[in-house]
Amino acid sequence: MVSRGLDVAFDVAAGETVALLGPNGAGKSTTLAVLAGLLRPDAGRVVVDGEELTGPRRWVPPHARRTALLAQDPLLFPH
Protein backbone atom coordinates (compact mmCIF):
# COMPACT_ATOMS: atom_id res chain seq x y z
CA MET A 1 0.00 0.00 0.00
CA VAL A 2 1.32 3.43 -0.92
CA SER A 3 0.96 6.13 1.70
CA ARG A 4 0.79 9.79 0.70
CA GLY A 5 0.95 12.80 2.91
CA LEU A 6 -1.96 15.22 3.08
CA ASP A 7 -1.46 18.95 3.44
CA VAL A 8 -4.87 20.27 4.44
CA ALA A 9 -5.87 23.57 6.02
CA PHE A 10 -9.32 25.12 6.18
CA ASP A 11 -11.49 27.29 8.41
CA VAL A 12 -15.18 26.70 9.01
CA ALA A 13 -17.29 29.48 10.49
CA ALA A 14 -20.06 28.78 13.00
CA GLY A 15 -23.18 27.61 11.16
CA GLU A 16 -21.28 27.06 7.92
CA THR A 17 -21.60 23.80 5.97
CA VAL A 18 -18.56 22.42 4.16
CA ALA A 19 -18.27 19.56 1.66
CA LEU A 20 -15.08 17.64 0.89
CA LEU A 21 -15.02 16.65 -2.76
CA GLY A 22 -12.45 14.76 -4.77
CA PRO A 23 -11.67 11.56 -6.63
CA ASN A 24 -11.12 8.17 -5.00
CA GLY A 25 -7.95 8.16 -2.93
CA ALA A 26 -7.78 11.95 -2.58
CA GLY A 27 -7.87 11.81 1.24
CA LYS A 28 -11.45 12.85 2.01
CA SER A 29 -12.15 9.99 4.42
CA THR A 30 -8.68 10.25 5.93
CA THR A 31 -9.16 13.96 6.61
CA LEU A 32 -12.49 13.32 8.34
CA ALA A 33 -11.10 10.38 10.34
CA VAL A 34 -8.18 12.51 11.58
CA LEU A 35 -10.58 15.32 12.53
CA ALA A 36 -12.81 12.87 14.44
CA GLY A 37 -9.82 11.27 16.16
CA LEU A 38 -10.14 7.86 14.53
CA LEU A 39 -6.68 8.22 12.97
CA ARG A 40 -3.63 9.85 14.50
CA PRO A 41 -1.62 12.03 12.09
CA ASP A 42 2.13 11.42 11.74
CA ALA A 43 2.81 15.16 11.60
CA GLY A 44 0.98 18.46 11.85
CA ARG A 45 -1.85 19.34 14.16
CA VAL A 46 -5.62 19.58 14.33
CA VAL A 47 -7.12 22.67 15.96
CA VAL A 48 -10.87 23.03 16.49
CA ASP A 49 -12.31 26.24 17.93
CA GLY A 50 -8.87 27.23 19.20
CA GLU A 51 -8.30 23.92 21.01
CA GLU A 52 -5.41 21.80 19.78
CA LEU A 53 -6.66 18.22 19.44
CA THR A 54 -3.45 16.75 18.02
CA GLY A 55 0.10 17.98 18.03
CA PRO A 56 3.65 16.94 18.87
CA ARG A 57 2.80 16.47 22.57
CA ARG A 58 -1.00 16.50 22.54
CA TRP A 59 -3.67 13.94 21.75
CA VAL A 60 -7.36 14.31 22.60
CA PRO A 61 -9.10 10.93 22.22
CA PRO A 62 -12.24 10.66 20.05
CA HIS A 63 -14.66 10.44 22.98
CA ALA A 64 -13.34 13.72 24.45
CA ARG A 65 -13.63 15.77 21.23
CA ARG A 66 -16.58 17.92 20.27
CA THR A 67 -16.62 16.31 16.85
CA ALA A 68 -18.25 13.22 15.38
CA LEU A 69 -18.11 11.21 12.21
CA LEU A 70 -21.30 9.66 10.87
CA ALA A 71 -20.66 6.89 8.37
CA GLN A 72 -22.88 6.62 5.31
CA ASP A 73 -23.75 3.01 6.19
CA PRO A 74 -23.26 2.71 9.96
CA LEU A 75 -23.37 -0.79 11.43
CA LEU A 76 -23.19 -1.53 15.13
CA PHE A 77 -23.12 -5.30 14.76
CA PRO A 78 -22.37 -7.33 11.63
CA HIS A 79 -25.27 -9.50 10.46
C-alpha atoms as a PDB file:
ATOM      1  CA  MET A   1       0.000   0.000   0.000  1.00  0.00           C
ATOM      2  CA  VAL A   2       1.318   3.426  -0.925  1.00  0.00           C
ATOM      3  CA  SER A   3       0.962   6.127   1.700  1.00  0.00           C
ATOM      4  CA  ARG A   4       0.790   9.787   0.702  1.00  0.00           C
ATOM      5  CA  GLY A   5       0.951  12.805   2.915  1.00  0.00           C
ATOM      6  CA  LEU A   6      -1.957  15.221   3.084  1.00  0.00           C
ATOM      7  CA  ASP A   7      -1.462  18.947   3.444  1.00  0.00           C
ATOM      8  CA  VAL A   8      -4.869  20.272   4.436  1.00  0.00           C
ATOM      9  CA  ALA A   9      -5.871  23.568   6.015  1.00  0.00           C
ATOM     10  CA  PHE A  10      -9.322  25.122   6.175  1.00  0.00           C
ATOM     11  CA  ASP A  11     -11.488  27.290   8.407  1.00  0.00           C
ATOM     12  CA  VAL A  12     -15.178  26.697   9.006  1.00  0.00           C
ATOM     13  CA  ALA A  13     -17.290  29.481  10.494  1.00  0.00           C
ATOM     14  CA  ALA A  14     -20.064  28.781  13.000  1.00  0.00           C
ATOM     15  CA  GLY A  15     -23.176  27.614  11.163  1.00  0.00           C
ATOM     16  CA  GLU A  16     -21.283  27.061   7.924  1.00  0.00           C
ATOM     17  CA  THR A  17     -21.596  23.804   5.968  1.00  0.00           C
ATOM     18  CA  VAL A  18     -18.564  22.418   4.155  1.00  0.00           C
ATOM     19  CA  ALA A  19     -18.273  19.560   1.660  1.00  0.00           C
ATOM     20  CA  LEU A  20     -15.080  17.643   0.885  1.00  0.00           C
ATOM     21  CA  LEU A  21     -15.021  16.649  -2.763  1.00  0.00           C
ATOM     22  CA  GLY A  22     -12.448  14.759  -4.775  1.00  0.00           C
ATOM     23  CA  PRO A  23     -11.665  11.557  -6.632  1.00  0.00           C
ATOM     24  CA  ASN A  24     -11.115   8.172  -4.995  1.00  0.00           C
ATOM     25  CA  GLY A  25      -7.949   8.162  -2.929  1.00  0.00           C
ATOM     26  CA  ALA A  26      -7.776  11.948  -2.576  1.00  0.00           C
ATOM     27  CA  GLY A  27      -7.875  11.811   1.236  1.00  0.00           C
ATOM     28  CA  LYS A  28     -11.451  12.850   2.014  1.00  0.00           C
ATOM     29  CA  SER A  29     -12.154   9.991   4.424  1.00  0.00           C
ATOM     30  CA  THR A  30      -8.676  10.246   5.929  1.00  0.00           C
ATOM     31  CA  THR A  31      -9.165  13.959   6.609  1.00  0.00           C
ATOM     32  CA  LEU A  32     -12.490  13.317   8.344  1.00  0.00           C
ATOM     33  CA  ALA A  33     -11.096  10.377  10.345  1.00  0.00           C
ATOM     34  CA  VAL A  34      -8.183  12.513  11.584  1.00  0.00           C
ATOM     35  CA  LEU A  35     -10.576  15.315  12.531  1.00  0.00           C
ATOM     36  CA  ALA A  36     -12.813  12.874  14.442  1.00  0.00           C
ATOM     37  CA  GLY A  37      -9.817  11.267  16.164  1.00  0.00           C
ATOM     38  CA  LEU A  38     -10.142   7.864  14.534  1.00  0.00           C
ATOM     39  CA  LEU A  39      -6.684   8.224  12.969  1.00  0.00           C
ATOM     40  CA  ARG A  40      -3.631   9.847  14.498  1.00  0.00           C
ATOM     41  CA  PRO A  41      -1.617  12.031  12.094  1.00  0.00           C
ATOM     42  CA  ASP A  42       2.126  11.418  11.744  1.00  0.00           C
ATOM     43  CA  ALA A  43       2.807  15.159  11.601  1.00  0.00           C
ATOM     44  CA  GLY A  44       0.983  18.456  11.845  1.00  0.00           C
ATOM     45  CA  ARG A  45      -1.847  19.340  14.159  1.00  0.00           C
ATOM     46  CA  VAL A  46      -5.618  19.577  14.328  1.00  0.00           C
ATOM     47  CA  VAL A  47      -7.119  22.667  15.958  1.00  0.00           C
ATOM     48  CA  VAL A  48     -10.870  23.027  16.487  1.00  0.00           C
ATOM     49  CA  ASP A  49     -12.307  26.236  17.928  1.00  0.00           C
ATOM     50  CA  GLY A  50      -8.869  27.231  19.203  1.00  0.00           C
ATOM     51  CA  GLU A  51      -8.298  23.917  21.013  1.00  0.00           C
ATOM     52  CA  GLU A  52      -5.407  21.799  19.781  1.00  0.00           C
ATOM     53  CA  LEU A  53      -6.658  18.218  19.440  1.00  0.00           C
ATOM     54  CA  THR A  54      -3.447  16.753  18.022  1.00  0.00           C
ATOM     55  CA  GLY A  55       0.102  17.976  18.025  1.00  0.00           C
ATOM     56  CA  PRO A  56       3.652  16.938  18.866  1.00  0.00           C
ATOM     57  CA  ARG A  57       2.796  16.474  22.566  1.00  0.00           C
ATOM     58  CA  ARG A  58      -0.996  16.502  22.538  1.00  0.00           C
ATOM     59  CA  TRP A  59      -3.672  13.935  21.751  1.00  0.00           C
ATOM     60  CA  VAL A  60      -7.359  14.308  22.605  1.00  0.00           C
ATOM     61  CA  PRO A  61      -9.101  10.927  22.224  1.00  0.00           C
ATOM     62  CA  PRO A  62     -12.236  10.661  20.052  1.00  0.00           C
ATOM     63  CA  HIS A  63     -14.662  10.438  22.983  1.00  0.00           C
ATOM     64  CA  ALA A  64     -13.338  13.717  24.447  1.00  0.00           C
ATOM     65  CA  ARG A  65     -13.628  15.768  21.234  1.00  0.00           C
ATOM     66  CA  ARG A  66     -16.577  17.924  20.273  1.00  0.00           C
ATOM     67  CA  THR A  67     -16.621  16.310  16.848  1.00  0.00           C
ATOM     68  CA  ALA A  68     -18.246  13.225  15.383  1.00  0.00           C
ATOM     69  CA  LEU A  69     -18.110  11.211  12.209  1.00  0.00           C
ATOM     70  CA  LEU A  70     -21.297   9.657  10.871  1.00  0.00           C
ATOM     71  CA  ALA A  71     -20.662   6.889   8.370  1.00  0.00           C
ATOM     72  CA  GLN A  72     -22.879   6.624   5.311  1.00  0.00           C
ATOM     73  CA  ASP A  73     -23.750   3.014   6.187  1.00  0.00           C
ATOM     74  CA  PRO A  74     -23.260   2.712   9.963  1.00  0.00           C
ATOM     75  CA  LEU A  75     -23.373  -0.793  11.432  1.00  0.00           C
ATOM     76  CA  LEU A  76     -23.189  -1.530  15.131  1.00  0.00           C
ATOM     77  CA  PHE A  77     -23.120  -5.304  14.762  1.00  0.00           C
ATOM     78  CA  PRO A  78     -22.372  -7.333  11.631  1.00  0.00           C
ATOM     79  CA  HIS A  79     -25.268  -9.502  10.463  1.00  0.00           C
END
